[in-house]
Amino acid sequence: MGGLDGGCPGGAALTVTQQIGGSIGTAVFTALYAEMVASAAPAGSGPFAGFVEGYSTVFLAAAVGVPLAAPISWFTVRVPRSGFVADAEAVHLG
């Protein structure tokens, strides 16, 4: 395939970056959720109030984070059309 990974230059680096970014995002949201559940428990409310508070906070954080991250990805990730191989052979892994 001419030194290309999946028909896209830098495909392996892109995949690794996506995996690391997803792991960091999951860790941050999980820590935020756990903190909110732990802080809601001593308030004396029902057993599910902490879960609701945790999920509400995480969904709000994600709703704020996505619009903030979108311009970063829009302006920094640029792959020229010539970077894609038009007639690359199909790769079968099975």
PDB file of N, CA and C in Angstrom:
ATOM      1  N   MET A   1       0.818  -1.201   0.000  1.00  0.00           N
ATOM      2  CA  MET A   1       0.000   0.000   0.000  1.00  0.00           C
ATOM      3  C   MET A   1       0.854   1.254   0.000  1.00  0.00           C
ATOM      4  N   GLY A   2       2.107   1.123  -0.285  1.00  0.00           N
ATOM      5  CA  GLY A   2       2.929   2.304  -0.455  1.00  0.00           C
ATOM      6  C   GLY A   2       3.242   3.047   0.828  1.00  0.00           C
ATOM      7  N   GLY A   3       3.370   2.350   1.949  1.00  0.00           N
ATOM      8  CA  GLY A   3       3.729   3.021   3.191  1.00  0.00           C
ATOM      9  C   GLY A   3       2.577   3.738   3.869  1.00  0.00           C
ATOM     10  N   LEU A   4       1.382   3.504   3.400  1.00  0.00           N
ATOM     11  CA  LEU A   4       0.226   4.165   4.002  1.00  0.00           C
ATOM     12  C   LEU A   4      -0.516   3.181   4.894  1.00  0.00           C
ATOM     13  N   ASP A   5      -1.089   3.682   5.943  1.00  0.00           N
ATOM     14  CA  ASP A   5      -1.842   2.847   6.872  1.00  0.00           C
ATOM     15  C   ASP A   5      -3.326   3.070   6.628  1.00  0.00           C
ATOM     16  N   GLY A   6      -3.981   2.125   6.008  1.00  0.00           N
ATOM     17  CA  GLY A   6      -5.402   2.246   5.741  1.00  0.00           C
ATOM     18  C   GLY A   6      -5.721   3.281   4.677  1.00  0.00           C
ATOM     19  N   GLY A   7      -4.771   3.606   3.823  1.00  0.00           N
ATOM     20  CA  GLY A   7      -5.021   4.574   2.772  1.00  0.00           C
ATOM     21  C   GLY A   7      -4.920   6.013   3.224  1.00  0.00           C
ATOM     22  N   CYS A   8      -4.537   6.254   4.446  1.00  0.00           N
ATOM     23  CA  CYS A   8      -4.462   7.615   4.980  1.00  0.00           C
ATOM     24  C   CYS A   8      -3.083   7.831   5.598  1.00  0.00           C
ATOM     25  N   PRO A   9      -2.379   8.889   5.209  1.00  0.00           N
ATOM     26  CA  PRO A   9      -1.069   9.127   5.807  1.00  0.00           C
ATOM     27  C   PRO A   9      -1.193   9.371   7.304  1.00  0.00           C
ATOM     28  N   GLY A  10      -0.340   8.743   8.061  1.00  0.00           N
ATOM     29  CA  GLY A  10      -0.370   8.934   9.507  1.00  0.00           C
ATOM     30  C   GLY A  10      -1.537   8.244  10.171  1.00  0.00           C
ATOM     31  N   GLY A  11      -2.072   7.210   9.548  1.00  0.00           N
ATOM     32  CA  GLY A  11      -3.244   6.527  10.086  1.00  0.00           C
ATOM     33  C   GLY A  11      -3.001   5.926  11.457  1.00  0.00           C
ATOM     34  N   ALA A  12      -1.811   5.383  11.675  1.00  0.00           N
ATOM     35  CA  ALA A  12      -1.509   4.781  12.972  1.00  0.00           C
ATOM     36  C   ALA A  12      -1.436   5.848  14.058  1.00  0.00           C
ATOM     37  N   ALA A  13      -0.826   6.985  13.739  1.00  0.00           N
ATOM     38  CA  ALA A  13      -0.738   8.073  14.720  1.00  0.00           C
ATOM     39  C   ALA A  13      -2.123   8.614  15.044  1.00  0.00           C
ATOM     40  N   LEU A  14      -2.978   8.700  14.041  1.00  0.00           N
ATOM     41  CA  LEU A  14      -4.341   9.172  14.264  1.00  0.00           C
ATOM     42  C   LEU A  14      -5.105   8.211  15.165  1.00  0.00           C
ATOM     43  N   THR A  15      -4.953   6.921  14.925  1.00  0.00           N
ATOM     44  CA  THR A  15      -5.639   5.921  15.733  1.00  0.00           C
ATOM     45  C   THR A  15      -5.171   5.969  17.183  1.00  0.00           C
ATOM     46  N   VAL A  16      -3.872   6.073  17.389  1.00  0.00           N
ATOM     47  CA  VAL A  16      -3.330   6.141  18.747  1.00  0.00           C
ATOM     48  C   VAL A  16      -3.825   7.395  19.454  1.00  0.00           C
ATOM     49  N   THR A  17      -3.848   8.514  18.755  1.00  0.00           N
ATOM     50  CA  THR A  17      -4.323   9.763  19.347  1.00  0.00           C
ATOM     51  C   THR A  17      -5.790   9.656  19.744  1.00  0.00           C
ATOM     52  N   GLN A  18      -6.605   9.041  18.910  1.00  0.00           N
ATOM     53  CA  GLN A  18      -8.017   8.864  19.239  1.00  0.00           C
ATOM     54  C   GLN A  18      -8.189   7.958  20.452  1.00  0.00           C
ATOM     55  N   GLN A  19      -7.400   6.899  20.533  1.00  0.00           N
ATOM     56  CA  GLN A  19      -7.503   5.980  21.664  1.00  0.00           C
ATOM     57  C   GLN A  19      -7.105   6.664  22.971  1.00  0.00           C
ATOM     58  N   ILE A  20      -6.021   7.419  22.941  1.00  0.00           N
ATOM     59  CA  ILE A  20      -5.568   8.111  24.150  1.00  0.00           C
ATOM     60  C   ILE A  20      -6.569   9.193  24.552  1.00  0.00           C
ATOM     61  N   GLY A  21      -7.075   9.941  23.582  1.00  0.00           N
ATOM     62  CA  GLY A  21      -8.069  10.969  23.882  1.00  0.00           C
ATOM     63  C   GLY A  21      -9.340  10.390  24.474  1.00  0.00           C
ATOM     64  N   GLY A  22      -9.780   9.268  23.936  1.00  0.00           N
ATOM     65  CA  GLY A  22     -10.965   8.611  24.479  1.00  0.00           C
ATOM     66  C   GLY A  22     -10.742   8.108  25.894  1.00  0.00           C
ATOM     67  N   SER A  23      -9.554   7.597  26.163  1.00  0.00           N
ATOM     68  CA  SER A  23      -9.240   7.110  27.511  1.00  0.00           C
ATOM     69  C   SER A  23      -9.197   8.250  28.521  1.00  0.00           C
ATOM     70  N   ILE A  24      -8.591   9.353  28.129  1.00  0.00           N
ATOM     71  CA  ILE A  24      -8.516  10.507  29.034  1.00  0.00           C
ATOM     72  C   ILE A  24      -9.909  11.068  29.286  1.00  0.00           C
ATOM     73  N   GLY A  25     -10.719  11.177  28.243  1.00  0.00           N
ATOM     74  CA  GLY A  25     -12.081  11.679  28.410  1.00  0.00           C
ATOM     75  C   GLY A  25     -12.908  10.798  29.325  1.00  0.00           C
ATOM     76  N   THR A  26     -12.796   9.490  29.143  1.00  0.00           N
ATOM     77  CA  THR A  26     -13.530   8.562  30.001  1.00  0.00           C
ATOM     78  C   THR A  26     -13.074   8.680  31.448  1.00  0.00           C
ATOM     79  N   ALA A  27     -11.774   8.808  31.662  1.00  0.00           N
ATOM     80  CA  ALA A  27     -11.254   8.931  33.027  1.00  0.00           C
ATOM     81  C   ALA A  27     -11.729  10.222  33.690  1.00  0.00           C
ATOM     82  N   VAL A  28     -11.733  11.315  32.949  1.00  0.00           N
ATOM     83  CA  VAL A  28     -12.173  12.599  33.517  1.00  0.00           C
ATOM     84  C   VAL A  28     -13.656  12.548  33.872  1.00  0.00           C
ATOM     85  N   PHE A  29     -14.477  12.022  32.964  1.00  0.00           N
ATOM     86  CA  PHE A  29     -15.913  11.963  33.235  1.00  0.00           C
ATOM     87  C   PHE A  29     -16.231  10.992  34.369  1.00  0.00           C
ATOM     88  N   THR A  30     -15.494   9.892  34.461  1.00  0.00           N
ATOM     89  CA  THR A  30     -15.714   8.946  35.552  1.00  0.00           C
ATOM     90  C   THR A  30     -15.337   9.558  36.893  1.00  0.00           C
ATOM     91  N   ALA A  31     -14.225  10.284  36.939  1.00  0.00           N
ATOM     92  CA  ALA A  31     -13.823  10.943  38.184  1.00  0.00           C
ATOM     93  C   ALA A  31     -14.834  12.011  38.590  1.00  0.00           C
ATOM     94  N   LEU A  32     -15.330  12.764  37.621  1.00  0.00           N
ATOM     95  CA  LEU A  32     -16.340  13.783  37.906  1.00  0.00           C
ATOM     96  C   LEU A  32     -17.621  13.144  38.427  1.00  0.00           C
ATOM     97  N   TYR A  33     -18.038  12.050  37.805  1.00  0.00           N
ATOM     98  CA  TYR A  33     -19.237  11.333  38.244  1.00  0.00           C
ATOM     99  C   TYR A  33     -19.068  10.807  39.670  1.00  0.00           C
ATOM    100  N   ALA A  34     -17.933  10.183  39.953  1.00  0.00           N
ATOM    101  CA  ALA A  34     -17.699   9.624  41.287  1.00  0.00           C
ATOM    102  C   ALA A  34     -17.689  10.713  42.351  1.00  0.00           C
ATOM    103  N   GLU A  35     -17.109  11.856  42.028  1.00  0.00           N
ATOM    104  CA  GLU A  35     -17.080  12.966  42.980  1.00  0.00           C
ATOM    105  C   GLU A  35     -18.484  13.486  43.269  1.00  0.00           C
ATOM    106  N   MET A  36     -19.304  13.596  42.246  1.00  0.00           N
ATOM    107  CA  MET A  36     -20.666  14.096  42.448  1.00  0.00           C
ATOM    108  C   MET A  36     -21.523  13.095  43.222  1.00  0.00           C
ATOM    109  N   VAL A  37     -21.348  11.813  42.966  1.00  0.00           N
ATOM    110  CA  VAL A  37     -22.095  10.794  43.714  1.00  0.00           C
ATOM    111  C   VAL A  37     -21.676  10.818  45.179  1.00  0.00           C
ATOM    112  N   ALA A  38     -20.375  10.932  45.431  1.00  0.00           N
ATOM    113  CA  ALA A  38     -19.884  10.950  46.810  1.00  0.00           C
ATOM    114  C   ALA A  38     -20.333  12.209  47.554  1.00  0.00           C
ATOM    115  N   SER A  39     -20.394  13.331  46.865  1.00  0.00           N
ATOM    116  CA  SER A  39     -20.796  14.568  47.540  1.00  0.00           C
ATOM    117  C   SER A  39     -22.303  14.628  47.766  1.00  0.00           C
ATOM    118  N   ALA A  40     -23.085  13.913  46.970  1.00  0.00           N
ATOM    119  CA  ALA A  40     -24.540  13.928  47.141  1.00  0.00           C
ATOM    120  C   ALA A  40     -24.989  12.947  48.220  1.00  0.00           C
ATOM    121  N   ALA A  41     -24.178  11.948  48.542  1.00  0.00           N
ATOM    122  CA  ALA A  41     -24.567  10.930  49.519  1.00  0.00           C
ATOM    123  C   ALA A  41     -24.757  11.494  50.930  1.00  0.00           C
ATOM    124  N   PRO A  42     -23.865  12.337  51.456  1.00  0.00           N
ATOM    125  CA  PRO A  42     -24.062  12.833  52.817  1.00  0.00           C
ATOM    126  C   PRO A  42     -25.221  13.817  52.956  1.00  0.00           C
ATOM    127  N   ALA A  43     -25.793  14.248  51.867  1.00  0.00           N
ATOM    128  CA  ALA A  43     -26.876  15.231  51.939  1.00  0.00           C
ATOM    129  C   ALA A  43     -28.148  14.650  52.539  1.00  0.00           C
ATOM    130  N   GLY A  44     -28.216  13.333  52.700  1.00  0.00           N
ATOM    131  CA  GLY A  44     -29.369  12.710  53.325  1.00  0.00           C
ATOM    132  C   GLY A  44     -30.517  12.445  52.369  1.00  0.00           C
ATOM    133  N   SER A  45     -30.292  12.597  51.086  1.00  0.00           N
ATOM    134  CA  SER A  45     -31.349  12.333  50.117  1.00  0.00           C
ATOM    135  C   SER A  45     -31.405  10.838  49.817  1.00  0.00           C
ATOM    136  N   GLY A  46     -32.313  10.441  48.960  1.00  0.00           N
ATOM    137  CA  GLY A  46     -32.504   9.028  48.633  1.00  0.00           C
ATOM    138  C   GLY A  46     -31.273   8.414  47.991  1.00  0.00           C
ATOM    139  N   PRO A  47     -31.270   7.094  47.850  1.00  0.00           N
ATOM    140  CA  PRO A  47     -30.083   6.410  47.326  1.00  0.00           C
ATOM    141  C   PRO A  47     -29.797   6.714  45.854  1.00  0.00           C
ATOM    142  N   PHE A  48     -30.816   7.078  45.108  1.00  0.00           N
ATOM    143  CA  PHE A  48     -30.604   7.326  43.687  1.00  0.00           C
ATOM    144  C   PHE A  48     -30.327   8.790  43.368  1.00  0.00           C
ATOM    145  N   ALA A  49     -30.449   9.656  44.341  1.00  0.00           N
ATOM    146  CA  ALA A  49     -30.216  11.084  44.098  1.00  0.00           C
ATOM    147  C   ALA A  49     -28.764  11.347  43.702  1.00  0.00           C
ATOM    148  N   GLY A  50     -27.837  10.618  44.293  1.00  0.00           N
ATOM    149  CA  GLY A  50     -26.427  10.783  43.943  1.00  0.00           C
ATOM    150  C   GLY A  50     -26.143  10.359  42.513  1.00  0.00           C
ATOM    151  N   PHE A  51     -26.783   9.266  42.083  1.00  0.00           N
ATOM    152  CA  PHE A  51     -26.597   8.809  40.704  1.00  0.00           C
ATOM    153  C   PHE A  51     -27.128   9.834  39.713  1.00  0.00           C
ATOM    154  N   VAL A  52     -28.301  10.369  40.015  1.00  0.00           N
ATOM    155  CA  VAL A  52     -28.899  11.369  39.125  1.00  0.00           C
ATOM    156  C   VAL A  52     -28.038  12.626  39.084  1.00  0.00           C
ATOM    157  N   GLU A  53     -27.554  13.050  40.237  1.00  0.00           N
ATOM    158  CA  GLU A  53     -26.692  14.236  40.293  1.00  0.00           C
ATOM    159  C   GLU A  53     -25.398  14.005  39.511  1.00  0.00           C
ATOM    160  N   GLY A  54     -24.821  12.819  39.652  1.00  0.00           N
ATOM    161  CA  GLY A  54     -23.585  12.498  38.938  1.00  0.00           C
ATOM    162  C   GLY A  54     -23.772  12.491  37.432  1.00  0.00           C
ATOM    163  N   TYR A  55     -24.817  11.811  36.968  1.00  0.00           N
ATOM    164  CA  TYR A  55     -25.062  11.757  35.526  1.00  0.00           C
ATOM    165  C   TYR A  55     -25.426  13.129  34.970  1.00  0.00           C
ATOM    166  N   SER A  56     -26.205  13.893  35.707  1.00  0.00           N
ATOM    167  CA  SER A  56     -26.568  15.234  35.242  1.00  0.00           C
ATOM    168  C   SER A  56     -25.331  16.106  35.073  1.00  0.00           C
ATOM    169  N   THR A  57     -24.420  16.021  36.024  1.00  0.00           N
ATOM    170  CA  THR A  57     -23.202  16.822  35.956  1.00  0.00           C
ATOM    171  C   THR A  57     -22.314  16.386  34.796  1.00  0.00           C
ATOM    172  N   VAL A  58     -22.182  15.078  34.599  1.00  0.00           N
ATOM    173  CA  VAL A  58     -21.331  14.579  33.514  1.00  0.00           C
ATOM    174  C   VAL A  58     -21.922  14.944  32.154  1.00  0.00           C
ATOM    175  N   PHE A  59     -23.231  14.815  31.996  1.00  0.00           N
ATOM    176  CA  PHE A  59     -23.841  15.179  30.716  1.00  0.00           C
ATOM    177  C   PHE A  59     -23.713  16.677  30.453  1.00  0.00           C
ATOM    178  N   LEU A  60     -23.831  17.490  31.488  1.00  0.00           N
ATOM    179  CA  LEU A  60     -23.644  18.927  31.328  1.00  0.00           C
ATOM    180  C   LEU A  60     -22.199  19.240  30.939  1.00  0.00           C
ATOM    181  N   ALA A  61     -21.245  18.578  31.584  1.00  0.00           N
ATOM    182  CA  ALA A  61     -19.832  18.794  31.248  1.00  0.00           C
ATOM    183  C   ALA A  61     -19.541  18.378  29.804  1.00  0.00           C
ATOM    184  N   ALA A  62     -20.127  17.276  29.364  1.00  0.00           N
ATOM    185  CA  ALA A  62     -19.928  16.837  27.980  1.00  0.00           C
ATOM    186  C   ALA A  62     -20.585  17.805  27.001  1.00  0.00           C
ATOM    187  N   ALA A  63     -21.763  18.311  27.364  1.00  0.00           N
ATOM    188  CA  ALA A  63     -22.454  19.261  26.490  1.00  0.00           C
ATOM    189  C   ALA A  63     -21.679  20.564  26.355  1.00  0.00           C
ATOM    190  N   VAL A  64     -20.951  20.943  27.383  1.00  0.00           N
ATOM    191  CA  VAL A  64     -20.115  22.144  27.312  1.00  0.00           C
ATOM    192  C   VAL A  64     -18.794  21.828  26.611  1.00  0.00           C
ATOM    193  N   GLY A  65     -18.258  20.642  26.840  1.00  0.00           N
ATOM    194  CA  GLY A  65     -16.954  20.285  26.290  1.00  0.00           C
ATOM    195  C   GLY A  65     -16.937  20.070  24.791  1.00  0.00           C
ATOM    196  N   VAL A  66     -17.990  19.500  24.246  1.00  0.00           N
ATOM    197  CA  VAL A  66     -18.010  19.221  22.805  1.00  0.00           C
ATOM    198  C   VAL A  66     -17.961  20.507  21.977  1.00  0.00           C
ATOM    199  N   PRO A  67     -18.785  21.517  22.260  1.00  0.00           N
ATOM    200  CA  PRO A  67     -18.662  22.754  21.470  1.00  0.00           C
ATOM    201  C   PRO A  67     -17.322  23.468  21.663  1.00  0.00           C
ATOM    202  N   LEU A  68     -16.702  23.286  22.818  1.00  0.00           N
ATOM    203  CA  LEU A  68     -15.386  23.891  23.021  1.00  0.00           C
ATOM    204  C   LEU A  68     -14.290  23.145  22.258  1.00  0.00           C
ATOM    205  N   ALA A  69     -14.427  21.834  22.122  1.00  0.00           N
ATOM    206  CA  ALA A  69     -13.413  21.041  21.435  1.00  0.00           C
ATOM    207  C   ALA A  69     -13.594  21.034  19.920  1.00  0.00           C
ATOM    208  N   ALA A  70     -14.793  21.287  19.441  1.00  0.00           N
ATOM    209  CA  ALA A  70     -15.057  21.230  18.001  1.00  0.00           C
ATOM    210  C   ALA A  70     -14.189  22.198  17.193  1.00  0.00           C
ATOM    211  N   PRO A  71     -14.052  23.468  17.584  1.00  0.00           N
ATOM    212  CA  PRO A  71     -13.183  24.354  16.793  1.00  0.00           C
ATOM    213  C   PRO A  71     -11.720  23.916  16.798  1.00  0.00           C
ATOM    214  N   ILE A  72     -11.282  23.319  17.888  1.00  0.00           N
ATOM    215  CA  ILE A  72      -9.896  22.847  17.943  1.00  0.00           C
ATOM    216  C   ILE A  72      -9.681  21.766  16.893  1.00  0.00           C
ATOM    217  N   SER A  73     -10.588  20.805  16.832  1.00  0.00           N
ATOM    218  CA  SER A  73     -10.431  19.742  15.840  1.00  0.00           C
ATOM    219  C   SER A  73     -10.650  20.266  14.425  1.00  0.00           C
ATOM    220  N   TRP A  74     -11.533  21.219  14.262  1.00  0.00           N
ATOM    221  CA  TRP A  74     -11.811  21.765  12.927  1.00  0.00           C
ATOM    222  C   TRP A  74     -10.576  22.459  12.348  1.00  0.00           C
ATOM    223  N   PHE A  75      -9.856  23.208  13.176  1.00  0.00           N
ATOM    224  CA  PHE A  75      -8.729  23.984  12.670  1.00  0.00           C
ATOM    225  C   PHE A  75      -7.386  23.253  12.734  1.00  0.00           C
ATOM    226  N   THR A  76      -7.289  22.187  13.503  1.00  0.00           N
ATOM    227  CA  THR A  76      -5.993  21.516  13.621  1.00  0.00           C
ATOM    228  C   THR A  76      -5.893  20.232  12.812  1.00  0.00           C
ATOM    229  N   VAL A  77      -6.991  19.553  12.553  1.00  0.00           N
ATOM    230  CA  VAL A  77      -6.942  18.302  11.801  1.00  0.00           C
ATOM    231  C   VAL A  77      -7.209  18.613  10.337  1.00  0.00           C
ATOM    232  N   ARG A  78      -6.171  18.527   9.546  1.00  0.00           N
ATOM    233  CA  ARG A  78      -6.294  18.796   8.116  1.00  0.00           C
ATOM    234  C   ARG A  78      -5.628  17.669   7.339  1.00  0.00           C
ATOM    235  N   VAL A  79      -6.398  16.979   6.540  1.00  0.00           N
ATOM    236  CA  VAL A  79      -5.868  15.944   5.666  1.00  0.00           C
ATOM    237  C   VAL A  79      -6.220  16.351   4.244  1.00  0.00           C
ATOM    238  N   PRO A  80      -5.218  16.619   3.417  1.00  0.00           N
ATOM    239  CA  PRO A  80      -5.513  17.018   2.041  1.00  0.00           C
ATOM    240  C   PRO A  80      -6.143  15.866   1.261  1.00  0.00           C
ATOM    241  N   ARG A  81      -6.939  16.208   0.288  1.00  0.00           N
ATOM    242  CA  ARG A  81      -7.589  15.172  -0.522  1.00  0.00           C
ATOM    243  C   ARG A  81      -6.570  14.280  -1.213  1.00  0.00           C
ATOM    244  N   SER A  82      -5.421  14.822  -1.538  1.00  0.00           N
ATOM    245  CA  SER A  82      -4.403  14.006  -2.191  1.00  0.00           C
ATOM    246  C   SER A  82      -3.807  12.979  -1.233  1.00  0.00           C
ATOM    247  N   GLY A  83      -4.081  13.124   0.065  1.00  0.00           N
ATOM    248  CA  GLY A  83      -3.560  12.186   1.044  1.00  0.00           C
ATOM    249  C   GLY A  83      -4.275  10.850   1.035  1.00  0.00           C
ATOM    250  N   PHE A  84      -5.450  10.791   0.437  1.00  0.00           N
ATOM    251  CA  PHE A  84      -6.194   9.544   0.364  1.00  0.00           C
ATOM    252  C   PHE A  84      -5.877   8.839  -0.949  1.00  0.00           C
ATOM    253  N   VAL A  85      -5.743   7.555  -0.886  1.00  0.00           N
ATOM    254  CA  VAL A  85      -5.430   6.772  -2.074  1.00  0.00           C
ATOM    255  C   VAL A  85      -6.743   6.395  -2.748  1.00  0.00           C
ATOM    256  N   ALA A  86      -6.883   6.758  -4.002  1.00  0.00           N
ATOM    257  CA  ALA A  86      -8.141   6.524  -4.708  1.00  0.00           C
ATOM    258  C   ALA A  86      -8.321   5.066  -5.107  1.00  0.00           C
ATOM    259  N   ASP A  87      -7.252   4.404  -5.475  1.00  0.00           N
ATOM    260  CA  ASP A  87      -7.394   3.034  -5.966  1.00  0.00           C
ATOM    261  C   ASP A  87      -6.570   2.048  -5.131  1.00  0.00           C
ATOM    262  N   ALA A  88      -6.634   2.195  -3.833  1.00  0.00           N
ATOM    263  CA  ALA A  88      -5.900   1.287  -2.952  1.00  0.00           C
ATOM    264  C   ALA A  88      -6.600  -0.066  -2.909  1.00  0.00           C
ATOM    265  N   GLU A  89      -5.802  -1.108  -2.750  1.00  0.00           N
ATOM    266  CA  GLU A  89      -6.373  -2.440  -2.641  1.00  0.00           C
ATOM    267  C   GLU A  89      -7.083  -2.590  -1.302  1.00  0.00           C
ATOM    268  N   ALA A  90      -8.142  -3.367  -1.302  1.00  0.00           N
ATOM    269  CA  ALA A  90      -8.858  -3.627  -0.061  1.00  0.00           C
ATOM    270  C   ALA A  90      -8.011  -4.530   0.828  1.00  0.00           C
ATOM    271  N   VAL A  91      -8.037  -4.263   2.104  1.00  0.00           N
ATOM    272  CA  VAL A  91      -7.286  -5.066   3.062  1.00  0.00           C
ATOM    273  C   VAL A  91      -8.284  -5.893   3.853  1.00  0.00           C
ATOM    274  N   HIS A  92      -8.140  -7.209   3.780  1.00  0.00           N
ATOM    275  CA  HIS A  92      -9.035  -8.110   4.499  1.00  0.00           C
ATOM    276  C   HIS A  92      -8.287  -8.691   5.687  1.00  0.00           C
ATOM    277  N   LEU A  93      -8.868  -8.574   6.852  1.00  0.00           N
ATOM    278  CA  LEU A  93      -8.217  -9.060   8.063  1.00  0.00           C
ATOM    279  C   LEU A  93      -8.827 -10.360   8.570  1.00  0.00           C
ATOM    280  N   GLY A  94      -9.794 -10.893   7.876  1.00  0.00           N
ATOM    281  CA  GLY A  94     -10.461 -12.080   8.395  1.00  0.00           C
ATOM    282  C   GLY A  94     -10.292 -13.301   7.574  1.00  0.00           C
TER     283      GLY A  94
END
